Amino acid sequence: MENLEKYNQAFLESFEIDQSALKENLAYNDIPEWDSIGHMGLIAALEDAFDIAMETDDIIDFSDFNKGKEVMAKYGVTIN
């Protein structure tokens, strides 16, 4: 499974949404599932999927789908 697929899968499973709800501009609180609890679930799913441990500042900065790609790059994970 390539990185983009794993990245998308983390969103889909964490928020229990279907592919049609996943868009490039999806941001924190855009959907009811992406609240503070959902956010931590997403972070945990991404950490597991990519075998990384994010720093607190990066967890806070992870505010939308695209910003998340930038954060992941800091951990050597390229998502295209």
PDB file of N, CA and C in Angstrom:
ATOM      1  N   MET A   1       0.860  -1.190   0.000  1.00  0.00           N
ATOM      2  CA  MET A   1       0.000   0.000   0.000  1.00  0.00           C
ATOM      3  C   MET A   1       0.894   1.236   0.000  1.00  0.00           C
ATOM      4  N   GLU A   2       0.627   2.155  -0.912  1.00  0.00           N
ATOM      5  CA  GLU A   2       1.461   3.344  -0.973  1.00  0.00           C
ATOM      6  C   GLU A   2       1.035   4.368   0.084  1.00  0.00           C
ATOM      7  N   ASN A   3       1.902   5.356   0.308  1.00  0.00           N
ATOM      8  CA  ASN A   3       1.686   6.315   1.390  1.00  0.00           C
ATOM      9  C   ASN A   3       0.374   7.070   1.301  1.00  0.00           C
ATOM     10  N   LEU A   4       0.005   7.541   0.103  1.00  0.00           N
ATOM     11  CA  LEU A   4      -1.250   8.291  -0.035  1.00  0.00           C
ATOM     12  C   LEU A   4      -2.440   7.412   0.350  1.00  0.00           C
ATOM     13  N   GLU A   5      -2.401   6.170  -0.059  1.00  0.00           N
ATOM     14  CA  GLU A   5      -3.496   5.253   0.271  1.00  0.00           C
ATOM     15  C   GLU A   5      -3.571   5.023   1.782  1.00  0.00           C
ATOM     16  N   LYS A   6      -2.418   4.845   2.424  1.00  0.00           N
ATOM     17  CA  LYS A   6      -2.393   4.654   3.880  1.00  0.00           C
ATOM     18  C   LYS A   6      -2.871   5.916   4.600  1.00  0.00           C
ATOM     19  N   TYR A   7      -2.451   7.067   4.094  1.00  0.00           N
ATOM     20  CA  TYR A   7      -2.845   8.357   4.671  1.00  0.00           C
ATOM     21  C   TYR A   7      -4.363   8.523   4.586  1.00  0.00           C
ATOM     22  N   ASN A   8      -4.900   8.310   3.386  1.00  0.00           N
ATOM     23  CA  ASN A   8      -6.351   8.421   3.193  1.00  0.00           C
ATOM     24  C   ASN A   8      -7.094   7.430   4.064  1.00  0.00           C
ATOM     25  N   GLN A   9      -6.599   6.209   4.147  1.00  0.00           N
ATOM     26  CA  GLN A   9      -7.256   5.165   4.926  1.00  0.00           C
ATOM     27  C   GLN A   9      -7.356   5.556   6.400  1.00  0.00           C
ATOM     28  N   ALA A  10      -6.335   6.214   6.914  1.00  0.00           N
ATOM     29  CA  ALA A  10      -6.355   6.667   8.312  1.00  0.00           C
ATOM     30  C   ALA A  10      -7.512   7.642   8.540  1.00  0.00           C
ATOM     31  N   PHE A  11      -7.731   8.553   7.590  1.00  0.00           N
ATOM     32  CA  PHE A  11      -8.855   9.490   7.686  1.00  0.00           C
ATOM     33  C   PHE A  11     -10.190   8.741   7.608  1.00  0.00           C
ATOM     34  N   LEU A  12     -10.306   7.868   6.628  1.00  0.00           N
ATOM     35  CA  LEU A  12     -11.570   7.150   6.404  1.00  0.00           C
ATOM     36  C   LEU A  12     -11.953   6.308   7.612  1.00  0.00           C
ATOM     37  N   GLU A  13     -10.986   5.600   8.163  1.00  0.00           N
ATOM     38  CA  GLU A  13     -11.275   4.721   9.303  1.00  0.00           C
ATOM     39  C   GLU A  13     -11.450   5.503  10.600  1.00  0.00           C
ATOM     40  N   SER A  14     -10.628   6.511  10.820  1.00  0.00           N
ATOM     41  CA  SER A  14     -10.708   7.280  12.072  1.00  0.00           C
ATOM     42  C   SER A  14     -12.034   8.019  12.195  1.00  0.00           C
ATOM     43  N   PHE A  15     -12.488   8.563  11.080  1.00  0.00           N
ATOM     44  CA  PHE A  15     -13.712   9.360  11.111  1.00  0.00           C
ATOM     45  C   PHE A  15     -14.943   8.592  10.640  1.00  0.00           C
ATOM     46  N   GLU A  16     -14.733   7.336  10.222  1.00  0.00           N
ATOM     47  CA  GLU A  16     -15.831   6.502   9.724  1.00  0.00           C
ATOM     48  C   GLU A  16     -16.635   7.236   8.652  1.00  0.00           C
ATOM     49  N   ILE A  17     -15.893   7.761   7.676  1.00  0.00           N
ATOM     50  CA  ILE A  17     -16.508   8.458   6.547  1.00  0.00           C
ATOM     51  C   ILE A  17     -16.210   7.666   5.274  1.00  0.00           C
ATOM     52  N   ASP A  18     -16.943   7.963   4.213  1.00  0.00           N
ATOM     53  CA  ASP A  18     -16.622   7.295   2.963  1.00  0.00           C
ATOM     54  C   ASP A  18     -15.766   8.215   2.093  1.00  0.00           C
ATOM     55  N   GLN A  19     -15.242   7.634   1.037  1.00  0.00           N
ATOM     56  CA  GLN A  19     -14.292   8.332   0.165  1.00  0.00           C
ATOM     57  C   GLN A  19     -14.818   9.681  -0.318  1.00  0.00           C
ATOM     58  N   SER A  20     -16.121   9.793  -0.551  1.00  0.00           N
ATOM     59  CA  SER A  20     -16.688  11.038  -1.076  1.00  0.00           C
ATOM     60  C   SER A  20     -16.562  12.204  -0.095  1.00  0.00           C
ATOM     61  N   ALA A  21     -16.441  11.918   1.191  1.00  0.00           N
ATOM     62  CA  ALA A  21     -16.303  12.974   2.200  1.00  0.00           C
ATOM     63  C   ALA A  21     -14.859  13.439   2.351  1.00  0.00           C
ATOM     64  N   LEU A  22     -13.935  12.679   1.786  1.00  0.00           N
ATOM     65  CA  LEU A  22     -12.520  12.999   1.913  1.00  0.00           C
ATOM     66  C   LEU A  22     -12.099  13.910   0.771  1.00  0.00           C
ATOM     67  N   LYS A  23     -11.768  15.154   1.121  1.00  0.00           N
ATOM     68  CA  LYS A  23     -11.352  16.105   0.095  1.00  0.00           C
ATOM     69  C   LYS A  23     -10.117  16.857   0.562  1.00  0.00           C
ATOM     70  N   GLU A  24      -9.407  17.420  -0.404  1.00  0.00           N
ATOM     71  CA  GLU A  24      -8.131  18.091  -0.135  1.00  0.00           C
ATOM     72  C   GLU A  24      -8.251  19.206   0.901  1.00  0.00           C
ATOM     73  N   ASN A  25      -9.400  19.871   0.960  1.00  0.00           N
ATOM     74  CA  ASN A  25      -9.556  20.993   1.893  1.00  0.00           C
ATOM     75  C   ASN A  25     -10.268  20.595   3.189  1.00  0.00           C
ATOM     76  N   LEU A  26     -10.400  19.303   3.440  1.00  0.00           N
ATOM     77  CA  LEU A  26     -11.031  18.853   4.683  1.00  0.00           C
ATOM     78  C   LEU A  26     -10.210  19.358   5.871  1.00  0.00           C
ATOM     79  N   ALA A  27     -10.870  20.028   6.799  1.00  0.00           N
ATOM     80  CA  ALA A  27     -10.163  20.622   7.933  1.00  0.00           C
ATOM     81  C   ALA A  27     -10.828  20.241   9.256  1.00  0.00           C
ATOM     82  N   TYR A  28     -10.050  20.438  10.312  1.00  0.00           N
ATOM     83  CA  TYR A  28     -10.525  20.197  11.673  1.00  0.00           C
ATOM     84  C   TYR A  28     -11.873  20.896  11.881  1.00  0.00           C
ATOM     85  N   ASN A  29     -12.831  20.178  12.420  1.00  0.00           N
ATOM     86  CA  ASN A  29     -14.189  20.653  12.698  1.00  0.00           C
ATOM     87  C   ASN A  29     -15.060  20.863  11.467  1.00  0.00           C
ATOM     88  N   ASP A  30     -14.556  20.528  10.263  1.00  0.00           N
ATOM     89  CA  ASP A  30     -15.407  20.587   9.062  1.00  0.00           C
ATOM     90  C   ASP A  30     -16.515  19.540   9.114  1.00  0.00           C
ATOM     91  N   ILE A  31     -16.183  18.417   9.719  1.00  0.00           N
ATOM     92  CA  ILE A  31     -17.167  17.341   9.890  1.00  0.00           C
ATOM     93  C   ILE A  31     -17.267  17.053  11.380  1.00  0.00           C
ATOM     94  N   PRO A  32     -18.431  16.627  11.855  1.00  0.00           N
ATOM     95  CA  PRO A  32     -18.592  16.385  13.295  1.00  0.00           C
ATOM     96  C   PRO A  32     -17.592  15.377  13.854  1.00  0.00           C
ATOM     97  N   GLU A  33     -17.169  14.434  13.025  1.00  0.00           N
ATOM     98  CA  GLU A  33     -16.249  13.384  13.492  1.00  0.00           C
ATOM     99  C   GLU A  33     -14.846  13.917  13.778  1.00  0.00           C
ATOM    100  N   TRP A  34     -14.480  15.043  13.138  1.00  0.00           N
ATOM    101  CA  TRP A  34     -13.141  15.595  13.362  1.00  0.00           C
ATOM    102  C   TRP A  34     -13.201  16.642  14.459  1.00  0.00           C
ATOM    103  N   ASP A  35     -13.415  16.140  15.668  1.00  0.00           N
ATOM    104  CA  ASP A  35     -13.354  16.979  16.869  1.00  0.00           C
ATOM    105  C   ASP A  35     -12.058  16.616  17.596  1.00  0.00           C
ATOM    106  N   SER A  36     -11.906  17.049  18.829  1.00  0.00           N
ATOM    107  CA  SER A  36     -10.647  16.789  19.531  1.00  0.00           C
ATOM    108  C   SER A  36     -10.393  15.298  19.740  1.00  0.00           C
ATOM    109  N   ILE A  37     -11.436  14.559  20.019  1.00  0.00           N
ATOM    110  CA  ILE A  37     -11.274  13.114  20.221  1.00  0.00           C
ATOM    111  C   ILE A  37     -10.962  12.431  18.891  1.00  0.00           C
ATOM    112  N   GLY A  38     -11.692  12.807  17.855  1.00  0.00           N
ATOM    113  CA  GLY A  38     -11.429  12.264  16.527  1.00  0.00           C
ATOM    114  C   GLY A  38     -10.023  12.595  16.052  1.00  0.00           C
ATOM    115  N   HIS A  39      -9.560  13.790  16.407  1.00  0.00           N
ATOM    116  CA  HIS A  39      -8.216  14.222  16.018  1.00  0.00           C
ATOM    117  C   HIS A  39      -7.162  13.288  16.615  1.00  0.00           C
ATOM    118  N   MET A  40      -7.304  12.978  17.879  1.00  0.00           N
ATOM    119  CA  MET A  40      -6.319  12.099  18.515  1.00  0.00           C
ATOM    120  C   MET A  40      -6.379  10.687  17.931  1.00  0.00           C
ATOM    121  N   GLY A  41      -7.573  10.247  17.560  1.00  0.00           N
ATOM    122  CA  GLY A  41      -7.706   8.946  16.900  1.00  0.00           C
ATOM    123  C   GLY A  41      -7.002   8.929  15.555  1.00  0.00           C
ATOM    124  N   LEU A  42      -7.141  10.026  14.819  1.00  0.00           N
ATOM    125  CA  LEU A  42      -6.470  10.149  13.525  1.00  0.00           C
ATOM    126  C   LEU A  42      -4.957  10.127  13.703  1.00  0.00           C
ATOM    127  N   ILE A  43      -4.467  10.900  14.659  1.00  0.00           N
ATOM    128  CA  ILE A  43      -3.022  10.949  14.906  1.00  0.00           C
ATOM    129  C   ILE A  43      -2.506   9.561  15.274  1.00  0.00           C
ATOM    130  N   ALA A  44      -3.215   8.865  16.139  1.00  0.00           N
ATOM    131  CA  ALA A  44      -2.799   7.509  16.536  1.00  0.00           C
ATOM    132  C   ALA A  44      -2.783   6.575  15.326  1.00  0.00           C
ATOM    133  N   ALA A  45      -3.783   6.682  14.473  1.00  0.00           N
ATOM    134  CA  ALA A  45      -3.848   5.830  13.279  1.00  0.00           C
ATOM    135  C   ALA A  45      -2.672   6.123  12.344  1.00  0.00           C
ATOM    136  N   LEU A  46      -2.349   7.398  12.174  1.00  0.00           N
ATOM    137  CA  LEU A  46      -1.222   7.768  11.314  1.00  0.00           C
ATOM    138  C   LEU A  46       0.108   7.317  11.912  1.00  0.00           C
ATOM    139  N   GLU A  47       0.254   7.480  13.217  1.00  0.00           N
ATOM    140  CA  GLU A  47       1.488   7.036  13.872  1.00  0.00           C
ATOM    141  C   GLU A  47       1.671   5.534  13.706  1.00  0.00           C
ATOM    142  N   ASP A  48       0.594   4.786  13.857  1.00  0.00           N
ATOM    143  CA  ASP A  48       0.665   3.327  13.679  1.00  0.00           C
ATOM    144  C   ASP A  48       0.964   2.956  12.233  1.00  0.00           C
ATOM    145  N   ALA A  49       0.265   3.587  11.300  1.00  0.00           N
ATOM    146  CA  ALA A  49       0.407   3.246   9.880  1.00  0.00           C
ATOM    147  C   ALA A  49       1.818   3.520   9.362  1.00  0.00           C
ATOM    148  N   PHE A  50       2.442   4.571   9.868  1.00  0.00           N
ATOM    149  CA  PHE A  50       3.744   4.976   9.349  1.00  0.00           C
ATOM    150  C   PHE A  50       4.882   4.751  10.343  1.00  0.00           C
ATOM    151  N   ASP A  51       4.587   4.156  11.489  1.00  0.00           N
ATOM    152  CA  ASP A  51       5.588   3.840  12.509  1.00  0.00           C
ATOM    153  C   ASP A  51       6.399   5.078  12.896  1.00  0.00           C
ATOM    154  N   ILE A  52       5.668   6.127  13.268  1.00  0.00           N
ATOM    155  CA  ILE A  52       6.284   7.378  13.704  1.00  0.00           C
ATOM    156  C   ILE A  52       5.658   7.794  15.033  1.00  0.00           C
ATOM    157  N   ALA A  53       6.270   8.786  15.682  1.00  0.00           N
ATOM    158  CA  ALA A  53       5.707   9.396  16.889  1.00  0.00           C
ATOM    159  C   ALA A  53       5.791  10.910  16.702  1.00  0.00           C
ATOM    160  N   MET A  54       4.636  11.538  16.572  1.00  0.00           N
ATOM    161  CA  MET A  54       4.605  12.981  16.328  1.00  0.00           C
ATOM    162  C   MET A  54       4.796  13.763  17.619  1.00  0.00           C
ATOM    163  N   GLU A  55       5.440  14.911  17.464  1.00  0.00           N
ATOM    164  CA  GLU A  55       5.614  15.826  18.591  1.00  0.00           C
ATOM    165  C   GLU A  55       4.316  16.610  18.794  1.00  0.00           C
ATOM    166  N   THR A  56       4.115  17.088  20.003  1.00  0.00           N
ATOM    167  CA  THR A  56       2.889  17.801  20.353  1.00  0.00           C
ATOM    168  C   THR A  56       2.609  18.970  19.415  1.00  0.00           C
ATOM    169  N   ASP A  57       3.621  19.764  19.089  1.00  0.00           N
ATOM    170  CA  ASP A  57       3.420  20.919  18.193  1.00  0.00           C
ATOM    171  C   ASP A  57       2.897  20.473  16.832  1.00  0.00           C
ATOM    172  N   ASP A  58       3.400  19.343  16.350  1.00  0.00           N
ATOM    173  CA  ASP A  58       2.952  18.846  15.047  1.00  0.00           C
ATOM    174  C   ASP A  58       1.521  18.318  15.112  1.00  0.00           C
ATOM    175  N   ILE A  59       1.168  17.730  16.215  1.00  0.00           N
ATOM    176  CA  ILE A  59      -0.212  17.253  16.396  1.00  0.00           C
ATOM    177  C   ILE A  59      -1.175  18.440  16.365  1.00  0.00           C
ATOM    178  N   ILE A  60      -0.781  19.530  17.001  1.00  0.00           N
ATOM    179  CA  ILE A  60      -1.611  20.737  17.015  1.00  0.00           C
ATOM    180  C   ILE A  60      -1.658  21.379  15.627  1.00  0.00           C
ATOM    181  N   ASP A  61      -0.529  21.398  14.925  1.00  0.00           N
ATOM    182  CA  ASP A  61      -0.456  22.006  13.587  1.00  0.00           C
ATOM    183  C   ASP A  61      -1.219  21.219  12.528  1.00  0.00           C
ATOM    184  N   PHE A  62      -1.514  19.972  12.803  1.00  0.00           N
ATOM    185  CA  PHE A  62      -2.187  19.085  11.849  1.00  0.00           C
ATOM    186  C   PHE A  62      -3.653  19.493  11.770  1.00  0.00           C
ATOM    187  N   SER A  63      -3.911  20.616  11.061  1.00  0.00           N
ATOM    188  CA  SER A  63      -5.226  21.239  11.090  1.00  0.00           C
ATOM    189  C   SER A  63      -6.116  20.921   9.897  1.00  0.00           C
ATOM    190  N   ASP A  64      -5.520  20.391   8.833  1.00  0.00           N
ATOM    191  CA  ASP A  64      -6.328  20.001   7.681  1.00  0.00           C
ATOM    192  C   ASP A  64      -5.592  18.936   6.864  1.00  0.00           C
ATOM    193  N   PHE A  65      -6.272  18.413   5.874  1.00  0.00           N
ATOM    194  CA  PHE A  65      -5.762  17.314   5.064  1.00  0.00           C
ATOM    195  C   PHE A  65      -4.410  17.655   4.437  1.00  0.00           C
ATOM    196  N   ASN A  66      -4.301  18.829   3.833  1.00  0.00           N
ATOM    197  CA  ASN A  66      -3.049  19.213   3.176  1.00  0.00           C
ATOM    198  C   ASN A  66      -1.947  19.567   4.164  1.00  0.00           C
ATOM    199  N   LYS A  67      -2.289  20.264   5.231  1.00  0.00           N
ATOM    200  CA  LYS A  67      -1.290  20.600   6.258  1.00  0.00           C
ATOM    201  C   LYS A  67      -0.727  19.310   6.849  1.00  0.00           C
ATOM    202  N   GLY A  68      -1.571  18.301   6.961  1.00  0.00           N
ATOM    203  CA  GLY A  68      -1.120  17.007   7.466  1.00  0.00           C
ATOM    204  C   GLY A  68      -0.027  16.406   6.618  1.00  0.00           C
ATOM    205  N   LYS A  69      -0.115  16.602   5.312  1.00  0.00           N
ATOM    206  CA  LYS A  69       0.928  16.096   4.413  1.00  0.00           C
ATOM    207  C   LYS A  69       2.265  16.761   4.718  1.00  0.00           C
ATOM    208  N   GLU A  70       2.232  18.071   5.008  1.00  0.00           N
ATOM    209  CA  GLU A  70       3.448  18.802   5.374  1.00  0.00           C
ATOM    210  C   GLU A  70       4.023  18.280   6.685  1.00  0.00           C
ATOM    211  N   VAL A  71       3.150  18.052   7.652  1.00  0.00           N
ATOM    212  CA  VAL A  71       3.589  17.526   8.946  1.00  0.00           C
ATOM    213  C   VAL A  71       4.227  16.151   8.764  1.00  0.00           C
ATOM    214  N   MET A  72       3.598  15.311   7.970  1.00  0.00           N
ATOM    215  CA  MET A  72       4.118  13.957   7.755  1.00  0.00           C
ATOM    216  C   MET A  72       5.506  14.006   7.108  1.00  0.00           C
ATOM    217  N   ALA A  73       5.733  14.975   6.230  1.00  0.00           N
ATOM    218  CA  ALA A  73       7.033  15.104   5.570  1.00  0.00           C
ATOM    219  C   ALA A  73       8.156  15.329   6.576  1.00  0.00           C
ATOM    220  N   LYS A  74       7.858  15.984   7.686  1.00  0.00           N
ATOM    221  CA  LYS A  74       8.856  16.206   8.724  1.00  0.00           C
ATOM    222  C   LYS A  74       9.362  14.894   9.312  1.00  0.00           C
ATOM    223  N   TYR A  75       8.557  13.846   9.161  1.00  0.00           N
ATOM    224  CA  TYR A  75       8.899  12.528   9.701  1.00  0.00           C
ATOM    225  C   TYR A  75       9.366  11.567   8.603  1.00  0.00           C
ATOM    226  N   GLY A  76       9.723  12.144   7.452  1.00  0.00           N
ATOM    227  CA  GLY A  76      10.238  11.342   6.361  1.00  0.00           C
ATOM    228  C   GLY A  76       9.181  10.599   5.568  1.00  0.00           C
ATOM    229  N   VAL A  77       7.909  11.006   5.728  1.00  0.00           N
ATOM    230  CA  VAL A  77       6.816  10.355   5.019  1.00  0.00           C
ATOM    231  C   VAL A  77       6.345  11.287   3.903  1.00  0.00           C
ATOM    232  N   THR A  78       6.592  10.878   2.664  1.00  0.00           N
ATOM    233  CA  THR A  78       6.159  11.660   1.500  1.00  0.00           C
ATOM    234  C   THR A  78       4.806  11.162   1.032  1.00  0.00           C
ATOM    235  N   ILE A  79       3.853  12.065   0.920  1.00  0.00           N
ATOM    236  CA  ILE A  79       2.501  11.720   0.488  1.00  0.00           C
ATOM    237  C   ILE A  79       2.176  12.524  -0.758  1.00  0.00           C
ATOM    238  N   ASN A  80       2.032  11.815  -1.883  1.00  0.00           N
ATOM    239  CA  ASN A  80       1.742  12.492  -3.161  1.00  0.00           C
ATOM    240  C   ASN A  80       0.358  12.127  -3.624  1.00  0.00           C
TER     241      ASN A  80
END
